[in-house]
Amino acid sequence: MLKNQTGFPIYLCAKEITNLMRGLLAPYELTYTQFIIMMYLWEVGESNLKDAADSLLLDPSTLTPVLKKLEAKGYVTKQRSQGDERNLTIKLTERGSELREKLSGLPLEMKQKLGLDSEETKIIRSLMTKMLNNIKKEKYDV
């Protein structure tokens, strides 16, 4: 039965969380994927495409058009390495750095909407990471 399938409530939660984030990000004209990339860049400052794709578990071909849109919005710049044209460096612009402050309350707002306390959040993150590691047969720390 569908209600006994582990993946079904996970699928539904992922869909609903994405919908919640869509609403929260709409005033900033950002998608959830764009927001995740921005959060990554706020943490690391700059990155090459391959490292970003690996860290975010995204295929570089998925990341490239999203970065193009972020660049068009003035949040990031992309620059090819002079030594190796295949190496693309992604950097935050001043506008991209300023966006961090504007969105700083969003994680707390999302946490409140999910209605989980700190211990529940820790447990669910741990279980989801365990499942991801089991599925991918790799060690991820998300």
N, C-alpha and C. Protein backbone atom coordinates (compact mmCIF):
# COMPACT_ATOMS: atom_id res chain seq x y z
N MET A 1 0.82 -1.19 0.00
CA MET A 1 0.00 0.00 0.00
C MET A 1 0.86 1.25 0.00
N LEU A 2 0.36 2.26 -0.65
CA LEU A 2 1.09 3.52 -0.78
C LEU A 2 1.44 4.12 0.58
N LYS A 3 0.51 4.10 1.52
CA LYS A 3 0.77 4.72 2.82
C LYS A 3 1.86 4.00 3.61
N ASN A 4 2.21 2.79 3.22
CA ASN A 4 3.27 2.04 3.90
C ASN A 4 4.64 2.23 3.25
N GLN A 5 4.71 2.99 2.18
CA GLN A 5 5.97 3.21 1.46
C GLN A 5 6.77 4.32 2.13
N THR A 6 8.01 4.06 2.48
CA THR A 6 8.87 5.05 3.13
C THR A 6 9.09 6.27 2.24
N GLY A 7 9.26 6.03 0.97
CA GLY A 7 9.57 7.13 0.06
C GLY A 7 8.43 8.11 -0.17
N PHE A 8 7.19 7.66 0.00
CA PHE A 8 6.06 8.53 -0.31
C PHE A 8 5.97 9.76 0.59
N PRO A 9 6.03 9.63 1.92
CA PRO A 9 5.99 10.85 2.73
C PRO A 9 7.23 11.72 2.53
N ILE A 10 8.35 11.10 2.21
CA ILE A 10 9.56 11.89 1.93
C ILE A 10 9.36 12.71 0.66
N TYR A 11 8.81 12.07 -0.36
CA TYR A 11 8.49 12.76 -1.60
C TYR A 11 7.53 13.92 -1.34
N LEU A 12 6.47 13.66 -0.58
CA LEU A 12 5.48 14.70 -0.30
C LEU A 12 6.08 15.85 0.49
N CYS A 13 6.91 15.54 1.49
CA CYS A 13 7.57 16.60 2.26
C CYS A 13 8.50 17.43 1.39
N ALA A 14 9.28 16.76 0.55
CA ALA A 14 10.18 17.49 -0.34
C ALA A 14 9.40 18.43 -1.25
N LYS A 15 8.30 17.95 -1.77
CA LYS A 15 7.46 18.77 -2.65
C LYS A 15 6.89 19.97 -1.89
N GLU A 16 6.39 19.73 -0.69
CA GLU A 16 5.78 20.81 0.09
C GLU A 16 6.82 21.81 0.60
N ILE A 17 7.99 21.33 0.98
CA ILE A 17 9.07 22.23 1.39
C ILE A 17 9.49 23.11 0.22
N THR A 18 9.60 22.51 -0.95
CA THR A 18 9.94 23.28 -2.15
C THR A 18 8.87 24.34 -2.43
N ASN A 19 7.60 23.97 -2.27
CA ASN A 19 6.52 24.94 -2.47
C ASN A 19 6.57 26.07 -1.44
N LEU A 20 6.84 25.73 -0.18
CA LEU A 20 6.99 26.76 0.86
C LEU A 20 8.13 27.71 0.52
N MET A 21 9.25 27.13 0.13
CA MET A 21 10.41 27.96 -0.21
C MET A 21 10.13 28.83 -1.43
N ARG A 22 9.39 28.29 -2.39
CA ARG A 22 9.04 29.06 -3.58
C ARG A 22 8.30 30.34 -3.16
N GLY A 23 7.36 30.19 -2.23
CA GLY A 23 6.61 31.35 -1.75
C GLY A 23 7.48 32.34 -0.99
N LEU A 24 8.38 31.83 -0.16
CA LEU A 24 9.25 32.71 0.61
C LEU A 24 10.27 33.44 -0.27
N LEU A 25 10.68 32.78 -1.35
CA LEU A 25 11.71 33.35 -2.23
C LEU A 25 11.14 34.20 -3.35
N ALA A 26 9.83 34.10 -3.59
CA ALA A 26 9.20 34.83 -4.70
C ALA A 26 9.48 36.33 -4.67
N PRO A 27 9.42 36.99 -3.51
CA PRO A 27 9.69 38.44 -3.51
C PRO A 27 11.11 38.80 -3.98
N TYR A 28 12.01 37.83 -3.92
CA TYR A 28 13.41 38.06 -4.31
C TYR A 28 13.70 37.52 -5.71
N GLU A 29 12.68 36.96 -6.34
CA GLU A 29 12.78 36.39 -7.68
C GLU A 29 13.89 35.34 -7.76
N LEU A 30 13.92 34.48 -6.74
CA LEU A 30 14.88 33.38 -6.68
C LEU A 30 14.14 32.06 -6.64
N THR A 31 14.71 31.05 -7.28
CA THR A 31 14.21 29.69 -7.14
C THR A 31 14.92 29.05 -5.94
N TYR A 32 14.40 27.93 -5.49
CA TYR A 32 15.03 27.23 -4.38
C TYR A 32 16.45 26.79 -4.76
N THR A 33 16.63 26.32 -5.97
CA THR A 33 17.97 25.91 -6.42
C THR A 33 18.92 27.10 -6.43
N GLN A 34 18.45 28.25 -6.89
CA GLN A 34 19.29 29.45 -6.88
C GLN A 34 19.65 29.83 -5.44
N PHE A 35 18.69 29.71 -4.54
CA PHE A 35 18.94 30.03 -3.14
C PHE A 35 19.98 29.10 -2.54
N ILE A 36 19.90 27.82 -2.85
CA ILE A 36 20.87 26.85 -2.34
C ILE A 36 22.27 27.18 -2.86
N ILE A 37 22.37 27.55 -4.11
CA ILE A 37 23.67 27.93 -4.68
C ILE A 37 24.20 29.18 -3.98
N MET A 38 23.32 30.15 -3.75
CA MET A 38 23.75 31.37 -3.06
C MET A 38 24.21 31.04 -1.64
N MET A 39 23.48 30.17 -0.94
CA MET A 39 23.91 29.79 0.42
C MET A 39 25.29 29.14 0.39
N TYR A 40 25.51 28.30 -0.59
CA TYR A 40 26.82 27.66 -0.74
C TYR A 40 27.91 28.73 -0.94
N LEU A 41 27.65 29.67 -1.83
CA LEU A 41 28.65 30.72 -2.10
C LEU A 41 28.83 31.64 -0.90
N TRP A 42 27.79 31.89 -0.14
CA TRP A 42 27.94 32.70 1.08
C TRP A 42 28.86 32.00 2.07
N GLU A 43 28.86 30.68 2.06
CA GLU A 43 29.74 29.92 2.96
C GLU A 43 31.18 29.90 2.46
N VAL A 44 31.37 29.67 1.16
CA VAL A 44 32.72 29.46 0.65
C VAL A 44 33.34 30.69 -0.01
N GLY A 45 32.53 31.67 -0.38
CA GLY A 45 33.04 32.89 -1.01
C GLY A 45 33.17 32.77 -2.51
N GLU A 46 33.97 31.83 -2.94
CA GLU A 46 34.09 31.55 -4.37
C GLU A 46 34.37 30.07 -4.54
N SER A 47 34.12 29.57 -5.75
CA SER A 47 34.27 28.15 -5.99
C SER A 47 34.45 27.93 -7.49
N ASN A 48 35.00 26.78 -7.82
CA ASN A 48 34.94 26.42 -9.24
C ASN A 48 33.69 25.58 -9.45
N LEU A 49 33.29 25.46 -10.69
CA LEU A 49 32.04 24.80 -11.04
C LEU A 49 32.00 23.35 -10.53
N LYS A 50 33.09 22.64 -10.72
CA LYS A 50 33.13 21.23 -10.32
C LYS A 50 32.95 21.07 -8.81
N ASP A 51 33.65 21.87 -8.03
CA ASP A 51 33.52 21.78 -6.57
C ASP A 51 32.10 22.13 -6.11
N ALA A 52 31.52 23.16 -6.73
CA ALA A 52 30.15 23.55 -6.39
C ALA A 52 29.18 22.42 -6.72
N ALA A 53 29.32 21.85 -7.89
CA ALA A 53 28.44 20.75 -8.30
C ALA A 53 28.58 19.56 -7.35
N ASP A 54 29.81 19.22 -6.99
CA ASP A 54 30.05 18.11 -6.07
C ASP A 54 29.46 18.40 -4.69
N SER A 55 29.66 19.59 -4.18
CA SER A 55 29.17 19.96 -2.85
C SER A 55 27.65 19.98 -2.78
N LEU A 56 27.02 20.41 -3.87
CA LEU A 56 25.57 20.54 -3.90
C LEU A 56 24.87 19.31 -4.46
N LEU A 57 25.66 18.30 -4.82
CA LEU A 57 25.14 17.06 -5.42
C LEU A 57 24.30 17.37 -6.66
N LEU A 58 24.79 18.29 -7.46
CA LEU A 58 24.14 18.66 -8.71
C LEU A 58 25.07 18.36 -9.87
N ASP A 59 24.52 18.00 -10.99
CA ASP A 59 25.30 17.80 -12.18
C ASP A 59 25.75 19.17 -12.71
N PRO A 60 26.99 19.31 -13.16
CA PRO A 60 27.42 20.61 -13.70
C PRO A 60 26.51 21.14 -14.81
N SER A 61 25.93 20.23 -15.60
CA SER A 61 25.04 20.68 -16.67
C SER A 61 23.72 21.24 -16.10
N THR A 62 23.36 20.87 -14.89
CA THR A 62 22.20 21.45 -14.21
C THR A 62 22.58 22.79 -13.60
N LEU A 63 23.76 22.86 -13.06
CA LEU A 63 24.24 24.06 -12.38
C LEU A 63 24.49 25.23 -13.34
N THR A 64 24.99 24.93 -14.52
CA THR A 64 25.37 25.98 -15.48
C THR A 64 24.23 26.95 -15.82
N PRO A 65 23.04 26.48 -16.22
CA PRO A 65 21.98 27.44 -16.54
C PRO A 65 21.49 28.22 -15.32
N VAL A 66 21.55 27.62 -14.15
CA VAL A 66 21.13 28.32 -12.93
C VAL A 66 22.12 29.43 -12.63
N LEU A 67 23.40 29.14 -12.79
CA LEU A 67 24.43 30.17 -12.58
C LEU A 67 24.30 31.30 -13.60
N LYS A 68 23.93 30.95 -14.81
CA LYS A 68 23.73 31.97 -15.85
C LYS A 68 22.64 32.95 -15.42
N LYS A 69 21.57 32.42 -14.83
CA LYS A 69 20.47 33.28 -14.36
C LYS A 69 20.90 34.13 -13.16
N LEU A 70 21.69 33.55 -12.27
CA LEU A 70 22.20 34.32 -11.13
C LEU A 70 23.15 35.42 -11.59
N GLU A 71 23.91 35.12 -12.62
CA GLU A 71 24.82 36.12 -13.18
C GLU A 71 24.00 37.25 -13.82
N ALA A 72 22.94 36.92 -14.53
CA ALA A 72 22.08 37.93 -15.16
C ALA A 72 21.43 38.83 -14.12
N LYS A 73 21.18 38.29 -12.92
CA LYS A 73 20.59 39.09 -11.85
C LYS A 73 21.64 39.92 -11.12
N GLY A 74 22.90 39.69 -11.45
CA GLY A 74 23.97 40.47 -10.84
C GLY A 74 24.46 39.93 -9.51
N TYR A 75 24.15 38.67 -9.19
CA TYR A 75 24.55 38.09 -7.91
C TYR A 75 25.89 37.37 -7.94
N VAL A 76 26.28 36.86 -9.11
CA VAL A 76 27.55 36.14 -9.24
C VAL A 76 28.24 36.55 -10.53
N THR A 77 29.52 36.27 -10.57
CA THR A 77 30.27 36.38 -11.81
C THR A 77 30.90 35.03 -12.09
N LYS A 78 31.12 34.75 -13.35
CA LYS A 78 31.78 33.52 -13.77
C LYS A 78 33.01 33.92 -14.58
N GLN A 79 34.09 33.20 -14.36
CA GLN A 79 35.32 33.51 -15.08
C GLN A 79 36.06 32.22 -15.40
N ARG A 80 36.43 32.07 -16.65
CA ARG A 80 37.22 30.91 -17.08
C ARG A 80 38.67 31.10 -16.66
N SER A 81 39.28 30.01 -16.25
CA SER A 81 40.69 30.04 -15.89
C SER A 81 41.52 30.24 -17.16
N GLN A 82 42.51 31.10 -17.08
CA GLN A 82 43.38 31.32 -18.25
C GLN A 82 44.23 30.09 -18.54
N GLY A 83 44.59 29.36 -17.49
CA GLY A 83 45.41 28.18 -17.67
C GLY A 83 44.64 26.97 -18.16
N ASP A 84 43.36 26.92 -17.83
CA ASP A 84 42.54 25.77 -18.20
C ASP A 84 41.12 26.26 -18.46
N GLU A 85 40.76 26.36 -19.71
CA GLU A 85 39.45 26.88 -20.13
C GLU A 85 38.28 26.08 -19.57
N ARG A 86 38.53 24.83 -19.18
CA ARG A 86 37.46 23.99 -18.63
C ARG A 86 37.12 24.38 -17.20
N ASN A 87 38.03 25.08 -16.54
CA ASN A 87 37.85 25.45 -15.14
C ASN A 87 37.11 26.79 -15.04
N LEU A 88 35.92 26.78 -14.47
CA LEU A 88 35.09 27.97 -14.34
C LEU A 88 35.01 28.36 -12.87
N THR A 89 35.42 29.59 -12.57
CA THR A 89 35.36 30.09 -11.20
C THR A 89 34.10 30.93 -11.03
N ILE A 90 33.40 30.70 -9.93
CA ILE A 90 32.17 31.41 -9.60
C ILE A 90 32.45 32.26 -8.37
N LYS A 91 32.11 33.55 -8.45
CA LYS A 91 32.32 34.46 -7.33
C LYS A 91 31.06 35.25 -7.07
N LEU A 92 30.86 35.59 -5.81
CA LEU A 92 29.77 36.49 -5.44
C LEU A 92 30.11 37.91 -5.86
N THR A 93 29.12 38.64 -6.27
CA THR A 93 29.29 40.08 -6.50
C THR A 93 28.92 40.79 -5.19
N GLU A 94 29.10 42.07 -5.14
CA GLU A 94 28.69 42.84 -3.97
C GLU A 94 27.19 42.70 -3.77
N ARG A 95 26.45 42.75 -4.85
CA ARG A 95 24.99 42.59 -4.79
C ARG A 95 24.62 41.21 -4.24
N GLY A 96 25.36 40.19 -4.66
CA GLY A 96 25.12 38.83 -4.16
C GLY A 96 25.41 38.72 -2.67
N SER A 97 26.45 39.39 -2.21
CA SER A 97 26.76 39.39 -0.78
C SER A 97 25.69 40.13 0.01
N GLU A 98 25.19 41.23 -0.53
CA GLU A 98 24.14 42.00 0.15
C GLU A 98 22.85 41.21 0.26
N LEU A 99 22.60 40.33 -0.68
CA LEU A 99 21.38 39.52 -0.66
C LEU A 99 21.34 38.63 0.58
N ARG A 100 22.50 38.24 1.06
CA ARG A 100 22.56 37.39 2.25
C ARG A 100 21.84 38.04 3.43
N GLU A 101 22.08 39.31 3.62
CA GLU A 101 21.43 40.03 4.73
C GLU A 101 19.92 40.07 4.55
N LYS A 102 19.48 40.30 3.33
CA LYS A 102 18.03 40.38 3.05
C LYS A 102 17.34 39.05 3.34
N LEU A 103 18.04 37.95 3.13
CA LEU A 103 17.45 36.61 3.30
C LEU A 103 17.83 35.95 4.62
N SER A 104 18.48 36.69 5.50
CA SER A 104 19.01 36.09 6.72
C SER A 104 17.92 35.50 7.63
N GLY A 105 16.71 36.02 7.59
CA GLY A 105 15.65 35.50 8.44
C GLY A 105 14.90 34.32 7.85
N LEU A 106 15.19 34.00 6.61
CA LEU A 106 14.45 32.95 5.92
C LEU A 106 14.61 31.57 6.56
N PRO A 107 15.81 31.14 6.96
CA PRO A 107 15.93 29.81 7.59
C PRO A 107 15.09 29.68 8.87
N LEU A 108 15.05 30.72 9.69
CA LEU A 108 14.24 30.67 10.90
C LEU A 108 12.76 30.62 10.56
N GLU A 109 12.34 31.39 9.58
CA GLU A 109 10.95 31.37 9.14
C GLU A 109 10.56 29.98 8.65
N MET A 110 11.46 29.35 7.89
CA MET A 110 11.20 28.01 7.39
C MET A 110 11.13 27.01 8.54
N LYS A 111 12.04 27.13 9.50
CA LYS A 111 12.05 26.24 10.65
C LYS A 111 10.74 26.33 11.42
N GLN A 112 10.24 27.55 11.57
CA GLN A 112 8.97 27.74 12.27
C GLN A 112 7.81 27.09 11.50
N LYS A 113 7.84 27.19 10.18
CA LYS A 113 6.79 26.60 9.36
C LYS A 113 6.81 25.07 9.44
N LEU A 114 8.00 24.49 9.60
CA LEU A 114 8.12 23.04 9.71
C LEU A 114 7.65 22.52 11.06
N GLY A 115 7.73 23.36 12.08
CA GLY A 115 7.20 22.99 13.39
C GLY A 115 8.00 21.92 14.12
N LEU A 116 9.29 21.84 13.86
CA LEU A 116 10.14 20.86 14.54
C LEU A 116 11.01 21.57 15.56
N ASP A 117 11.21 20.93 16.72
CA ASP A 117 12.13 21.52 17.69
C ASP A 117 13.56 21.14 17.29
N SER A 118 14.53 21.64 18.04
CA SER A 118 15.94 21.43 17.68
C SER A 118 16.32 19.95 17.65
N GLU A 119 15.82 19.19 18.62
CA GLU A 119 16.16 17.76 18.67
C GLU A 119 15.53 17.01 17.49
N GLU A 120 14.29 17.33 17.17
CA GLU A 120 13.63 16.70 16.02
C GLU A 120 14.34 17.05 14.72
N THR A 121 14.77 18.29 14.60
CA THR A 121 15.51 18.72 13.41
C THR A 121 16.80 17.93 13.28
N LYS A 122 17.50 17.77 14.39
CA LYS A 122 18.76 17.02 14.39
C LYS A 122 18.52 15.56 13.97
N ILE A 123 17.47 14.96 14.50
CA ILE A 123 17.15 13.56 14.19
C ILE A 123 16.80 13.40 12.70
N ILE A 124 15.93 14.27 12.20
CA ILE A 124 15.50 14.11 10.80
C ILE A 124 16.67 14.37 9.85
N ARG A 125 17.52 15.35 10.15
CA ARG A 125 18.70 15.59 9.30
C ARG A 125 19.62 14.37 9.32
N SER A 126 19.80 13.77 10.48
CA SER A 126 20.65 12.60 10.62
C SER A 126 20.10 11.43 9.81
N LEU A 127 18.79 11.19 9.92
CA LEU A 127 18.18 10.08 9.19
C LEU A 127 18.20 10.31 7.68
N MET A 128 17.93 11.53 7.26
CA MET A 128 17.94 11.83 5.83
C MET A 128 19.35 11.69 5.26
N THR A 129 20.36 12.14 6.02
CA THR A 129 21.75 11.99 5.57
C THR A 129 22.13 10.52 5.50
N LYS A 130 21.69 9.74 6.48
CA LYS A 130 21.95 8.29 6.46
C LYS A 130 21.33 7.66 5.22
N MET A 131 20.09 8.00 4.92
CA MET A 131 19.44 7.44 3.72
C MET A 131 20.19 7.84 2.46
N LEU A 132 20.57 9.11 2.37
CA LEU A 132 21.30 9.58 1.19
C LEU A 132 22.61 8.81 1.04
N ASN A 133 23.34 8.64 2.13
CA ASN A 133 24.60 7.89 2.08
C ASN A 133 24.38 6.44 1.67
N ASN A 134 23.30 5.83 2.15
CA ASN A 134 23.00 4.45 1.78
C ASN A 134 22.63 4.34 0.30
N ILE A 135 21.86 5.29 -0.18
CA ILE A 135 21.44 5.27 -1.59
C ILE A 135 22.62 5.52 -2.51
N LYS A 136 23.41 6.51 -2.19
CA LYS A 136 24.52 6.91 -3.06
C LYS A 136 25.77 6.07 -2.84
N LYS A 137 25.81 5.31 -1.76
CA LYS A 137 26.98 4.48 -1.43
C LYS A 137 28.24 5.34 -1.32
N GLU A 138 28.04 6.58 -0.86
CA GLU A 138 29.15 7.49 -0.64
C GLU A 138 28.94 8.16 0.70
N LYS A 139 29.93 8.86 1.18
CA LYS A 139 29.83 9.55 2.47
C LYS A 139 29.57 11.03 2.20
N TYR A 140 28.36 11.46 2.52
CA TYR A 140 27.99 12.86 2.39
C TYR A 140 27.77 13.45 3.76
N ASP A 141 28.07 14.69 3.89
CA ASP A 141 27.82 15.41 5.13
C ASP A 141 26.97 16.62 4.79
N VAL A 142 25.65 16.40 4.70
CA VAL A 142 24.75 17.48 4.30
C VAL A 142 24.03 18.05 5.49
